PDB file of N, CA and C in Angstrom:
ATOM      1  N   MET A   1     -19.837 -16.273   1.942  1.00  0.00           N
ATOM      2  CA  MET A   1     -18.445 -16.081   1.575  1.00  0.00           C
ATOM      3  C   MET A   1     -17.926 -14.839   2.281  1.00  0.00           C
ATOM      4  N   ASN A   2     -16.719 -14.892   2.828  1.00  0.00           N
ATOM      5  CA  ASN A   2     -16.140 -13.784   3.562  1.00  0.00           C
ATOM      6  C   ASN A   2     -15.048 -13.130   2.722  1.00  0.00           C
ATOM      7  N   ASN A   3     -15.320 -11.932   2.216  1.00  0.00           N
ATOM      8  CA  ASN A   3     -14.347 -11.195   1.402  1.00  0.00           C
ATOM      9  C   ASN A   3     -13.766 -10.014   2.156  1.00  0.00           C
ATOM     10  N   SER A   4     -13.751 -10.082   3.485  1.00  0.00           N
ATOM     11  CA  SER A   4     -13.280  -8.946   4.270  1.00  0.00           C
ATOM     12  C   SER A   4     -11.780  -8.756   4.110  1.00  0.00           C
ATOM     13  N   LYS A   5     -11.379  -7.491   4.115  1.00  0.00           N
ATOM     14  CA  LYS A   5      -9.974  -7.135   4.017  1.00  0.00           C
ATOM     15  C   LYS A   5      -9.380  -7.065   5.411  1.00  0.00           C
ATOM     16  N   LYS A   6      -8.079  -7.294   5.498  1.00  0.00           N
ATOM     17  CA  LYS A   6      -7.370  -7.216   6.769  1.00  0.00           C
ATOM     18  C   LYS A   6      -7.232  -5.753   7.165  1.00  0.00           C
ATOM     19  N   ILE A   7      -7.729  -5.401   8.327  1.00  0.00           N
ATOM     20  CA  ILE A   7      -7.621  -4.032   8.830  1.00  0.00           C
ATOM     21  C   ILE A   7      -6.573  -4.018   9.931  1.00  0.00           C
ATOM     22  N   ILE A   8      -5.559  -3.174   9.760  1.00  0.00           N
ATOM     23  CA  ILE A   8      -4.511  -3.078  10.763  1.00  0.00           C
ATOM     24  C   ILE A   8      -4.366  -1.627  11.209  1.00  0.00           C
ATOM     25  N   THR A   9      -3.930  -1.443  12.424  1.00  0.00           N
ATOM     26  CA  THR A   9      -3.691  -0.104  12.954  1.00  0.00           C
ATOM     27  C   THR A   9      -2.280   0.325  12.577  1.00  0.00           C
ATOM     28  N   PRO A  10      -2.140   1.492  11.936  1.00  0.00           N
ATOM     29  CA  PRO A  10      -0.801   1.955  11.571  1.00  0.00           C
ATOM     30  C   PRO A  10       0.096   2.140  12.795  1.00  0.00           C
ATOM     31  N   LYS A  11       1.345   1.731  12.633  1.00  0.00           N
ATOM     32  CA  LYS A  11       2.358   1.885  13.682  1.00  0.00           C
ATOM     33  C   LYS A  11       3.411   2.877  13.211  1.00  0.00           C
ATOM     34  N   GLU A  12       4.317   3.241  14.113  1.00  0.00           N
ATOM     35  CA  GLU A  12       5.397   4.156  13.754  1.00  0.00           C
ATOM     36  C   GLU A  12       6.189   3.592  12.572  1.00  0.00           C
ATOM     37  N   GLY A  13       6.418   4.419  11.574  1.00  0.00           N
ATOM     38  CA  GLY A  13       7.157   3.998  10.386  1.00  0.00           C
ATOM     39  C   GLY A  13       6.265   3.471   9.277  1.00  0.00           C
ATOM     40  N   ASP A  14       4.954   3.357   9.530  1.00  0.00           N
ATOM     41  CA  ASP A  14       4.029   2.853   8.519  1.00  0.00           C
ATOM     42  C   ASP A  14       3.603   3.924   7.522  1.00  0.00           C
ATOM     43  N   TYR A  15       3.753   5.187   7.877  1.00  0.00           N
ATOM     44  CA  TYR A  15       3.368   6.255   6.968  1.00  0.00           C
ATOM     45  C   TYR A  15       4.110   7.541   7.320  1.00  0.00           C
ATOM     46  N   TYR A  16       4.048   8.482   6.403  1.00  0.00           N
ATOM     47  CA  TYR A  16       4.551   9.820   6.663  1.00  0.00           C
ATOM     48  C   TYR A  16       3.578  10.804   6.030  1.00  0.00           C
ATOM     49  N   ILE A  17       3.661  12.050   6.431  1.00  0.00           N
ATOM     50  CA  ILE A  17       2.798  13.082   5.888  1.00  0.00           C
ATOM     51  C   ILE A  17       3.548  13.793   4.760  1.00  0.00           C
ATOM     52  N   THR A  18       2.925  13.851   3.583  1.00  0.00           N
ATOM     53  CA  THR A  18       3.547  14.511   2.441  1.00  0.00           C
ATOM     54  C   THR A  18       3.489  16.028   2.622  1.00  0.00           C
ATOM     55  N   PRO A  19       4.269  16.769   1.846  1.00  0.00           N
ATOM     56  CA  PRO A  19       4.208  18.243   1.933  1.00  0.00           C
ATOM     57  C   PRO A  19       2.801  18.791   1.654  1.00  0.00           C
ATOM     58  N   GLU A  20       2.004  18.031   0.902  1.00  0.00           N
ATOM     59  CA  GLU A  20       0.636  18.455   0.595  1.00  0.00           C
ATOM     60  C   GLU A  20      -0.338  18.126   1.728  1.00  0.00           C
ATOM     61  N   GLY A  21       0.146  17.384   2.741  1.00  0.00           N
ATOM     62  CA  GLY A  21      -0.688  17.060   3.890  1.00  0.00           C
ATOM     63  C   GLY A  21      -1.364  15.703   3.838  1.00  0.00           C
ATOM     64  N   TYR A  22      -1.004  14.869   2.859  1.00  0.00           N
ATOM     65  CA  TYR A  22      -1.594  13.536   2.738  1.00  0.00           C
ATOM     66  C   TYR A  22      -0.785  12.509   3.526  1.00  0.00           C
ATOM     67  N   ARG A  23      -1.443  11.450   3.965  1.00  0.00           N
ATOM     68  CA  ARG A  23      -0.769  10.337   4.622  1.00  0.00           C
ATOM     69  C   ARG A  23      -0.294   9.383   3.516  1.00  0.00           C
ATOM     70  N   CYS A  24       0.987   9.106   3.488  1.00  0.00           N
ATOM     71  CA  CYS A  24       1.557   8.225   2.470  1.00  0.00           C
ATOM     72  C   CYS A  24       2.088   6.972   3.167  1.00  0.00           C
ATOM     73  N   PHE A  25       1.494   5.828   2.869  1.00  0.00           N
ATOM     74  CA  PHE A  25       1.904   4.580   3.507  1.00  0.00           C
ATOM     75  C   PHE A  25       3.217   4.073   2.927  1.00  0.00           C
ATOM     76  N   THR A  26       4.055   3.533   3.797  1.00  0.00           N
ATOM     77  CA  THR A  26       5.368   3.035   3.403  1.00  0.00           C
ATOM     78  C   THR A  26       5.284   1.565   2.995  1.00  0.00           C
ATOM     79  N   GLU A  27       6.378   1.063   2.445  1.00  0.00           N
ATOM     80  CA  GLU A  27       6.459  -0.352   2.079  1.00  0.00           C
ATOM     81  C   GLU A  27       6.234  -1.227   3.309  1.00  0.00           C
ATOM     82  N   GLN A  28       6.750  -0.788   4.443  1.00  0.00           N
ATOM     83  CA  GLN A  28       6.562  -1.514   5.709  1.00  0.00           C
ATOM     84  C   GLN A  28       5.074  -1.760   5.987  1.00  0.00           C
ATOM     85  N   TYR A  29       4.260  -0.731   5.826  1.00  0.00           N
ATOM     86  CA  TYR A  29       2.817  -0.870   6.067  1.00  0.00           C
ATOM     87  C   TYR A  29       2.184  -1.843   5.078  1.00  0.00           C
ATOM     88  N   HIS A  30       2.511  -1.679   3.800  1.00  0.00           N
ATOM     89  CA  HIS A  30       1.915  -2.549   2.778  1.00  0.00           C
ATOM     90  C   HIS A  30       2.242  -4.018   3.031  1.00  0.00           C
ATOM     91  N   LEU A  31       3.475  -4.297   3.426  1.00  0.00           N
ATOM     92  CA  LEU A  31       3.861  -5.681   3.702  1.00  0.00           C
ATOM     93  C   LEU A  31       3.144  -6.225   4.936  1.00  0.00           C
ATOM     94  N   ARG A  32       2.967  -5.396   5.968  1.00  0.00           N
ATOM     95  CA  ARG A  32       2.222  -5.841   7.158  1.00  0.00           C
ATOM     96  C   ARG A  32       0.756  -6.112   6.809  1.00  0.00           C
ATOM     97  N   ARG A  33       0.190  -5.289   5.920  1.00  0.00           N
ATOM     98  CA  ARG A  33      -1.207  -5.475   5.513  1.00  0.00           C
ATOM     99  C   ARG A  33      -1.361  -6.778   4.751  1.00  0.00           C
ATOM    100  N   GLY A  34      -0.395  -7.090   3.896  1.00  0.00           N
ATOM    101  CA  GLY A  34      -0.359  -8.400   3.259  1.00  0.00           C
ATOM    102  C   GLY A  34      -1.034  -8.546   1.908  1.00  0.00           C
ATOM    103  N   TYR A  35      -1.492  -7.460   1.309  1.00  0.00           N
ATOM    104  CA  TYR A  35      -2.095  -7.555  -0.025  1.00  0.00           C
ATOM    105  C   TYR A  35      -1.982  -6.210  -0.732  1.00  0.00           C
ATOM    106  N   CYS A  36      -2.128  -6.229  -2.048  1.00  0.00           N
ATOM    107  CA  CYS A  36      -2.093  -5.009  -2.843  1.00  0.00           C
ATOM    108  C   CYS A  36      -3.516  -4.480  -3.020  1.00  0.00           C
ATOM    109  N   CYS A  37      -3.693  -3.178  -2.814  1.00  0.00           N
ATOM    110  CA  CYS A  37      -5.019  -2.567  -2.941  1.00  0.00           C
ATOM    111  C   CYS A  37      -5.289  -2.080  -4.367  1.00  0.00           C
ATOM    112  N   GLU A  38      -4.294  -2.166  -5.242  1.00  0.00           N
ATOM    113  CA  GLU A  38      -4.387  -1.755  -6.647  1.00  0.00           C
ATOM    114  C   GLU A  38      -4.785  -0.292  -6.804  1.00  0.00           C
ATOM    115  N   SER A  39      -4.250   0.561  -5.920  1.00  0.00           N
ATOM    116  CA  SER A  39      -4.512   1.998  -5.996  1.00  0.00           C
ATOM    117  C   SER A  39      -3.326   2.767  -6.573  1.00  0.00           C
ATOM    118  N   GLY A  40      -2.257   2.064  -6.915  1.00  0.00           N
ATOM    119  CA  GLY A  40      -1.078   2.722  -7.469  1.00  0.00           C
ATOM    120  C   GLY A  40      -0.256   3.433  -6.411  1.00  0.00           C
ATOM    121  N   CYS A  41      -0.146   2.833  -5.250  1.00  0.00           N
ATOM    122  CA  CYS A  41       0.566   3.447  -4.128  1.00  0.00           C
ATOM    123  C   CYS A  41       2.037   3.714  -4.469  1.00  0.00           C
ATOM    124  N   ARG A  42       2.548   4.816  -3.965  1.00  0.00           N
ATOM    125  CA  ARG A  42       3.926   5.255  -4.212  1.00  0.00           C
ATOM    126  C   ARG A  42       4.956   4.221  -3.771  1.00  0.00           C
ATOM    127  N   HIS A  43       4.693   3.528  -2.666  1.00  0.00           N
ATOM    128  CA  HIS A  43       5.662   2.581  -2.104  1.00  0.00           C
ATOM    129  C   HIS A  43       5.174   1.130  -2.186  1.00  0.00           C
ATOM    130  N   CYS A  44       4.435   0.800  -3.237  1.00  0.00           N
ATOM    131  CA  CYS A  44       3.878  -0.551  -3.383  1.00  0.00           C
ATOM    132  C   CYS A  44       4.996  -1.594  -3.539  1.00  0.00           C
ATOM    133  N   PRO A  45       5.062  -2.562  -2.618  1.00  0.00           N
ATOM    134  CA  PRO A  45       6.086  -3.601  -2.726  1.00  0.00           C
ATOM    135  C   PRO A  45       5.659  -4.746  -3.646  1.00  0.00           C
ATOM    136  N   TYR A  46       4.441  -4.681  -4.164  1.00  0.00           N
ATOM    137  CA  TYR A  46       3.909  -5.766  -4.983  1.00  0.00           C
ATOM    138  C   TYR A  46       4.092  -5.525  -6.478  1.00  0.00           C
ATOM    139  N   GLY A  47       4.613  -4.345  -6.843  1.00  0.00           N
ATOM    140  CA  GLY A  47       4.915  -4.067  -8.241  1.00  0.00           C
ATOM    141  C   GLY A  47       3.715  -3.713  -9.092  1.00  0.00           C
ATOM    142  N   TYR A  48       2.638  -3.227  -8.490  1.00  0.00           N
ATOM    143  CA  TYR A  48       1.433  -2.889  -9.256  1.00  0.00           C
ATOM    144  C   TYR A  48       1.609  -1.563  -9.981  1.00  0.00           C
ATOM    145  N   ASN A  49       1.202  -1.522 -11.251  1.00  0.00           N
ATOM    146  CA  ASN A  49       1.242  -0.312 -12.058  1.00  0.00           C
ATOM    147  C   ASN A  49      -0.191   0.050 -12.413  1.00  0.00           C
ATOM    148  N   LYS A  50      -0.673   1.164 -11.878  1.00  0.00           N
ATOM    149  CA  LYS A  50      -2.069   1.570 -12.094  1.00  0.00           C
ATOM    150  C   LYS A  50      -2.331   1.938 -13.555  1.00  0.00           C
ATOM    151  N   LYS A  51      -1.337   2.491 -14.238  1.00  0.00           N
ATOM    152  CA  LYS A  51      -1.521   2.910 -15.629  1.00  0.00           C
ATOM    153  C   LYS A  51      -1.762   1.718 -16.545  1.00  0.00           C
ATOM    154  N   THR A  52      -1.076   0.606 -16.278  1.00  0.00           N
ATOM    155  CA  THR A  52      -1.208  -0.584 -17.130  1.00  0.00           C
ATOM    156  C   THR A  52      -2.083  -1.664 -16.496  1.00  0.00           C
ATOM    157  N   ASN A  53      -2.501  -1.428 -15.240  1.00  0.00           N
ATOM    158  CA  ASN A  53      -3.304  -2.409 -14.497  1.00  0.00           C
ATOM    159  C   ASN A  53      -2.633  -3.784 -14.497  1.00  0.00           C
ATOM    160  N   SER A  54      -1.332  -3.780 -14.221  1.00  0.00           N
ATOM    161  CA  SER A  54      -0.577  -5.031 -14.221  1.00  0.00           C
ATOM    162  C   SER A  54       0.468  -5.012 -13.112  1.00  0.00           C
ATOM    163  N   TYR A  55       1.029  -6.182 -12.848  1.00  0.00           N
ATOM    164  CA  TYR A  55       2.072  -6.338 -11.835  1.00  0.00           C
ATOM    165  C   TYR A  55       3.397  -6.627 -12.532  1.00  0.00           C
ATOM    166  N   SER A  56       4.461  -6.070 -11.975  1.00  0.00           N
ATOM    167  CA  SER A  56       5.792  -6.409 -12.457  1.00  0.00           C
ATOM    168  C   SER A  56       6.546  -7.053 -11.303  1.00  0.00           C
ATOM    169  N   LYS A  57       7.466  -7.919 -11.644  1.00  0.00           N
ATOM    170  CA  LYS A  57       8.239  -8.597 -10.617  1.00  0.00           C
ATOM    171  C   LYS A  57       9.200  -7.613  -9.973  1.00  0.00           C
ATOM    172  N   LYS A  58       9.295  -7.661  -8.662  1.00  0.00           N
ATOM    173  CA  LYS A  58      10.225  -6.778  -7.948  1.00  0.00           C
ATOM    174  C   LYS A  58      11.330  -7.600  -7.354  1.00  0.00           C
TER     175      LYS A  58
END
């Protein structure tokens, strides 16, 4: 069984650097990747809430 995740190379507009120095992926990147990683990302287009471990419709 192949459970590999899609690996894509970030392009311009896929992320920005936060004031703390972290790479923050944008909605554009998440949509290109094509799935939710369930990490509670700031710009998650899939509506995942890490606190409740659930999805909401967007």
